[in-house]
Amino acid sequence: MRDKTPVRLAALAAALALLGPAALLAADTRPDFNGTWTFVQKRSDDLREKIEQAVGPAATSGDIKKDSPRVWIRAWLLGVTEKPDAGVLTIELTPTEFHSGTGDDIRHYYFNRESTRQGEGGGLRKASVQWRGDQLVVEERAEKGSGLVREVYTLELGGKTLVVDWSLEHKSLKQPLALKLVFQKQ
């Protein structure tokens, strides 16, 4: 009687070779965030209301030195919402990089490594991007001070709707700011 083990192993290897690439592709398939996305106000949070709740009034009160960053953050956030190109988000995603932004303000992030970028207020931020399941998560932490911006990107409705859960934590805010921003693929 002949040993059939080598034949069985060869058959198993051939089957795995055929299934392997397909199984690897299925396991490594990620949502495609690439493209141009248009902001949908009626499905998003009321930005002005949320900013005013979390950040507070436009004027300083009490300790001007402590309150000035909060007032600046408020003006910056409200200014961003009023820019003509703020309603169009552009995303380019590759296996190693994630580019996201509006107008000329396109931010660059790199998978598997932290990068440093200049924040809107002039300070430096440590930035990272990573996959968490089917979501993309971007975090920017202030090198000095206390600031954290987090963006969680999620595709819905077969990839035609993009939800960005955007949050800002800073010691000068009354409470963390959390915004739900909804975009439709162009």
Protein backbone atom coordinates (compact mmCIF):
# COMPACT_ATOMS: atom_id res chain seq x y z
CA MET A 1 0.00 0.00 0.00
CA ARG A 2 1.37 3.36 -1.05
CA ASP A 3 1.57 6.38 1.33
CA LYS A 4 -0.97 8.96 0.10
CA THR A 5 0.25 11.69 2.45
CA PRO A 6 2.36 13.55 -0.16
CA VAL A 7 -0.58 13.54 -2.59
CA ARG A 8 -2.95 14.83 0.10
CA LEU A 9 -0.48 17.53 1.13
CA ALA A 10 -0.05 18.58 -2.49
CA ALA A 11 -3.84 18.76 -2.95
CA LEU A 12 -4.19 20.77 0.26
CA ALA A 13 -1.40 23.13 -0.81
CA ALA A 14 -3.07 23.64 -4.21
CA ALA A 15 -6.45 24.36 -2.57
CA LEU A 16 -4.84 26.84 -0.15
CA ALA A 17 -3.02 28.49 -3.03
CA LEU A 18 -6.32 29.01 -4.80
CA LEU A 19 -8.17 30.19 -1.69
CA GLY A 20 -5.27 32.10 -0.17
CA PRO A 21 -5.30 35.25 -2.32
CA ALA A 22 -9.10 35.48 -2.24
CA ALA A 23 -9.17 35.00 1.51
CA LEU A 24 -6.40 37.56 1.95
CA LEU A 25 -8.24 40.06 -0.26
CA ALA A 26 -11.47 39.59 1.66
CA ALA A 27 -9.70 40.01 5.00
CA ASP A 28 -7.80 43.10 3.85
CA THR A 29 -10.68 44.85 2.07
CA ARG A 30 -11.17 48.31 3.56
CA PRO A 31 -13.84 50.92 2.84
CA ASP A 32 -12.97 53.31 0.02
CA PHE A 33 -13.05 56.86 1.41
CA ASN A 34 -11.48 58.34 -1.74
CA GLY A 35 -13.31 61.13 -3.48
CA THR A 36 -15.02 64.46 -3.09
CA TRP A 37 -17.74 64.76 -0.47
CA THR A 38 -20.37 67.50 -0.05
CA PHE A 39 -21.49 68.57 3.43
CA VAL A 40 -25.16 67.81 4.25
CA GLN A 41 -26.25 70.39 6.83
CA LYS A 42 -29.72 68.94 7.49
CA ARG A 43 -28.25 65.55 8.52
CA SER A 44 -25.39 67.03 10.55
CA ASP A 45 -25.32 68.63 13.99
CA ASP A 46 -26.11 72.32 14.29
CA LEU A 47 -22.49 73.50 14.29
CA ARG A 48 -23.05 76.98 15.69
CA GLU A 49 -25.21 75.69 18.54
CA LYS A 50 -22.76 72.92 19.48
CA ILE A 51 -19.78 75.31 19.34
CA GLU A 52 -21.52 77.86 21.54
CA GLN A 53 -22.51 75.16 24.08
CA ALA A 54 -19.02 73.69 24.39
CA VAL A 55 -16.86 76.76 23.92
CA GLY A 56 -18.92 79.54 25.46
CA PRO A 57 -19.33 83.24 24.71
CA ALA A 58 -17.36 85.35 22.26
CA ALA A 59 -15.91 87.60 24.96
CA THR A 60 -13.51 86.85 27.78
CA SER A 61 -14.77 86.80 31.32
CA GLY A 62 -12.64 86.82 34.43
CA ASP A 63 -9.01 85.84 33.85
CA ILE A 64 -8.19 87.15 30.35
CA LYS A 65 -4.96 85.14 30.12
CA LYS A 66 -6.80 81.87 30.82
CA ASP A 67 -9.86 82.76 28.73
CA SER A 68 -8.10 84.05 25.61
CA PRO A 69 -7.43 80.58 24.11
CA ARG A 70 -11.12 79.69 24.44
CA VAL A 71 -12.20 82.87 22.66
CA TRP A 72 -9.64 82.24 19.91
CA ILE A 73 -10.84 78.61 19.51
CA ARG A 74 -14.45 79.82 19.22
CA ALA A 75 -13.58 82.41 16.55
CA TRP A 76 -11.50 79.86 14.63
CA LEU A 77 -14.26 77.19 14.69
CA LEU A 78 -17.00 79.59 13.63
CA GLY A 79 -14.72 81.02 10.92
CA VAL A 80 -14.13 77.55 9.47
CA THR A 81 -17.88 76.94 9.22
CA GLU A 82 -18.32 80.16 7.21
CA LYS A 83 -15.66 79.51 4.55
CA PRO A 84 -17.13 78.94 1.07
CA ASP A 85 -15.09 75.77 0.49
CA ALA A 86 -15.78 74.31 3.97
CA GLY A 87 -18.69 72.33 2.55
CA VAL A 88 -16.54 70.21 0.21
CA LEU A 89 -14.26 67.57 1.71
CA THR A 90 -11.58 65.91 -0.42
CA ILE A 91 -10.08 62.57 0.60
CA GLU A 92 -7.24 60.60 -0.91
CA LEU A 93 -6.42 57.26 0.71
CA THR A 94 -3.56 54.91 -0.13
CA PRO A 95 -2.26 51.91 1.85
CA THR A 96 0.37 54.16 3.47
CA GLU A 97 -1.18 57.67 3.58
CA PHE A 98 -4.44 59.48 4.30
CA HIS A 99 -5.03 62.99 2.90
CA SER A 100 -8.13 64.87 4.01
CA GLY A 101 -9.31 68.47 4.00
CA THR A 102 -11.30 71.31 2.52
CA GLY A 103 -10.14 73.84 -0.04
CA ASP A 104 -6.38 74.36 0.15
CA ASP A 105 -6.20 72.96 3.70
CA ILE A 106 -5.37 69.33 2.92
CA ARG A 107 -3.79 67.49 5.84
CA HIS A 108 -1.41 64.55 5.34
CA TYR A 109 -1.24 61.57 7.69
CA TYR A 110 0.87 58.42 7.51
CA PHE A 111 -0.15 54.96 8.65
CA ASN A 112 2.22 53.27 11.12
CA ARG A 113 4.07 56.44 12.03
CA GLU A 114 3.38 59.60 13.92
CA SER A 115 4.00 62.91 12.21
CA THR A 116 4.21 66.48 13.41
CA ARG A 117 2.22 69.29 11.88
CA GLN A 118 1.53 72.89 12.73
CA GLY A 119 -1.91 73.49 14.21
CA GLU A 120 -4.20 76.37 13.41
CA GLY A 121 -3.06 78.30 16.50
CA GLY A 122 0.61 77.94 15.57
CA GLY A 123 1.54 75.17 18.01
CA LEU A 124 2.82 71.77 16.97
CA ARG A 125 0.63 68.67 16.97
CA LYS A 126 1.54 65.00 16.92
CA ALA A 127 -0.72 63.42 14.33
CA SER A 128 -1.59 59.80 13.62
CA VAL A 129 -4.06 57.79 11.56
CA GLN A 130 -5.10 54.20 12.05
CA TRP A 131 -7.77 51.72 11.10
CA ARG A 132 -10.22 50.59 13.78
CA GLY A 133 -12.26 47.96 12.03
CA ASP A 134 -13.90 49.71 9.06
CA GLN A 135 -13.37 53.19 10.52
CA LEU A 136 -10.46 55.55 9.99
CA VAL A 137 -9.38 57.40 13.12
CA VAL A 138 -7.22 60.53 13.02
CA GLU A 139 -5.83 62.02 16.23
CA GLU A 140 -3.88 65.22 16.67
CA ARG A 141 -2.44 65.97 20.13
CA ALA A 142 -0.87 69.28 21.04
CA GLU A 143 2.82 68.93 21.92
CA LYS A 144 2.46 71.69 24.50
CA GLY A 145 -0.69 72.53 26.34
CA SER A 146 -3.78 70.42 26.34
CA GLY A 147 -5.51 69.87 23.09
CA LEU A 148 -6.80 66.80 21.30
CA VAL A 149 -8.65 66.68 17.98
CA ARG A 150 -10.13 63.33 16.98
CA GLU A 151 -11.85 62.51 13.69
CA VAL A 152 -13.59 59.18 13.14
CA TYR A 153 -14.54 58.48 9.51
CA THR A 154 -17.33 55.97 8.80
CA LEU A 155 -18.95 55.04 5.49
CA GLU A 156 -22.69 54.33 5.37
CA LEU A 157 -25.33 53.53 2.76
CA GLY A 158 -23.08 51.49 0.51
CA GLY A 159 -20.28 54.05 0.52
CA LYS A 160 -22.42 56.99 -0.62
CA THR A 161 -22.56 58.69 2.80
CA LEU A 162 -19.60 59.64 4.95
CA VAL A 163 -20.05 60.41 8.66
CA VAL A 164 -17.23 62.21 10.43
CA ASP A 165 -17.46 62.28 14.21
CA TRP A 166 -15.21 65.25 15.03
CA SER A 167 -14.25 66.12 18.58
CA LEU A 168 -12.08 68.69 20.33
CA GLU A 169 -10.85 68.52 23.90
CA HIS A 170 -9.06 71.51 25.42
CA LYS A 171 -8.70 72.66 29.01
CA SER A 172 -10.16 76.09 28.20
CA LEU A 173 -13.49 74.71 26.91
CA LYS A 174 -16.57 74.43 29.12
CA GLN A 175 -16.95 70.84 27.88
CA PRO A 176 -15.50 68.74 25.05
CA LEU A 177 -16.92 69.64 21.66
CA ALA A 178 -18.40 66.72 19.72
CA LEU A 179 -19.80 67.19 16.21
CA LYS A 180 -21.45 64.78 13.79
CA LEU A 181 -20.70 65.88 10.21
CA VAL A 182 -22.46 64.11 7.34
CA PHE A 183 -21.21 64.22 3.73
CA GLN A 184 -22.63 62.87 0.47
CA LYS A 185 -20.33 61.52 -2.25
CA GLN A 186 -20.22 63.74 -5.37
